[in-house]
Amino acid sequence: MISKFLKTIPVLALALTATVGCKKLDLAPTDRYTELNFWKSADNVNNALNNVYARIYSSGPFFYNEALSDNAYTRLGISAGFPDQIASGNFTPTLARFIGDWGFYYTGIKAANLFLANVDQENGIEAGRKERMKAETRFVRAFHYFLLMNWWGDVPLLTNDITPEEAKTVTRTPRAEVLTFILAELDAAAAGLPTNTQYAAVDRGRITRGAALALKARVLLYEGTRMAEVVSVCEELMSNQAANGTYSLYPDYTALFTPATEYNSEVMFDLQYVPNLRTWGEHIDFVPISAGARSNNLAPTQELVNSYIMTNGRLITEAGSGYDENNPYANRDPRLSATVVYDGGSFTGADNVTRTIHIRPGSDPDPAAKDEYKPSGQGTATGYYVKKYYDRTAVAGFNSGMNLIMIRWADVLLMLAEAKQSLGQMNADVWNATIRPIRQRAGFTDAAALNFPSTGNLTEIIRNERRAEFALEGLRIYDIRRWKIAEQVLNGWAHGAKYEDPSIDNGYIRAQLRTFDASKHYLWPVPAEERGKNPNLSQNPNY
């Protein structure tokens, strides 16, 4: 069922400032809305809240942020603000991505500030519902600041709407103050939000108390030094579902990312789309060419493929794993085939026909060989295509109305596991409540993969589990930055499958040479355009 509250997502019009024709500024015309009467209409208030929701996030960074990490490569980054230039280290503060993201988040914050400042002018909406609407808006504003803080560190903290003149004089607020604000906002939002079971069906997709608590756990997790608080929030979500919402792992990992399972038990917060009204279409450049894609512009890397463990729980590099480089996709984590299309793998297209995809050069019996790897051309640049989130019901141009999941229950479990390990509290009981059910849901059956490991680096095991579970969902770049391993995994070549000269990197495709300078790249540069407008905005180090 489509969430009806987002069937239309209007943007606030110029009615907020239109006063032409009024003889006195305190007399509003009756034939149109102005800033004097706009907020007195319940319909306008509802539309303004929809506008806040519409500005939460977009499909572009959701998918293409993977190309900022070691999970994927894009060779034509103009589609999403040039992530290829960021990944290669070949960028300046004038890059379109920086000004685009900065403007996107602050536009969303402005919409939230306007709503919170004016919603009480309307007197017809029931008080409890209005408080809920405020809580939804505070969550969204906190989410924007969380992303700003992660990319830029210190950022201007604006808690009310400001004039264009004031915008030219603001300064960057210390990151610690922004963090304090975010956590306080999420606490306030959680206190004012219903649980997922308290919303009526018509309101499915709205922000819930569970979403606010889960985002709070993520904010704390990303700090790296507040793991005890992460444990507290996650355990509260797990132990008190009557008060915080009812969630569980959806039993089928592959089906989790399909339109038929929207609003399932695992979804805590998702980006709302509606067929034929608000859609996304990135997969036209992700999936196999034989499935109707026009080209390939986001290709999983060999590094991602290598990270998937064997069905016996061992890394492919571990002794006794059973990994065969000549048959590399056999006996691997089932999430690999649910996420990535590899040579000899299957793909079910919009016609519901399942086909074997031939990617290795010279392997396709069809002379057209649309999906085969070539050093240049429209096909994959790494020897892999994307499968996760493919929507067989999408309309022409691969336009899909399927929601994109921003936070799901698996994240709560993995956040708890990571925090417990960081505190030295990881044990079989914690493992069995977190990693084991995630692997069981993925399709593992071997006891060696399901049982608490007696050997190995638990920190790396949990981190790798997170990588496999959330691959191509846009989270990897945040993880490698907060773990401070970006200089390890983002320097050197991003590779593809073993289809090239065996004398160079053992034949693995060299897709892109990456550079990550730890002295500066952990923060993005404040956009040059913003600093040109406001010289009070300081720059991050070494830019």
Foldseek 3Di string as FASTA:
>chain_A
DAQQLVLDADDDDQQADDDPPDPDPQDHDPPGHYVNCQLQDPVSLSNLLSNLLQLLDDPLLQFCLLCLFLFKNFPDQVSRQPSVCLLAVNDDLQGPNQVVLVVSLVVSLQSLQVSVVRNVSHDPDDPLVSLLSNLLSLLSNLSSLLVVCQFFQFAFDDNHDDDPVVLQATETHGNVVSLVSSLVSLVSSLVSFAAQVPDDPSNPQGAGSLLSLLVSLVSQVLLVPNLVVNLVSLVCVVVCCVRHNAADDDLALLCCLEQVQPPHRWFNHWRFFDPPHRWDQVQLQFAFVVLPRPFHGMFTFVVLVQLWAFLLQHRLPDPPRPADLVPHPPRTQLLCLSWKQAQQHWDQHLVRDIDGQHAAPPPDPDPVNRAHDDCDDRHDNFRMGTRGNQYSPADPSSIDRGIQGDGTPLSSLLSNQLSCVSVVNDDQVSLLVHVLVVSVSSPRDNVSNRGDDPDDDSNVSSVSSVCSSCPSSSCNVSVCLSVVCCQVRSAAFGWHRQRADCVPPNRTHRRGGGHDDPQFSSHRWNRPVSCVSHVSYDTGPPD
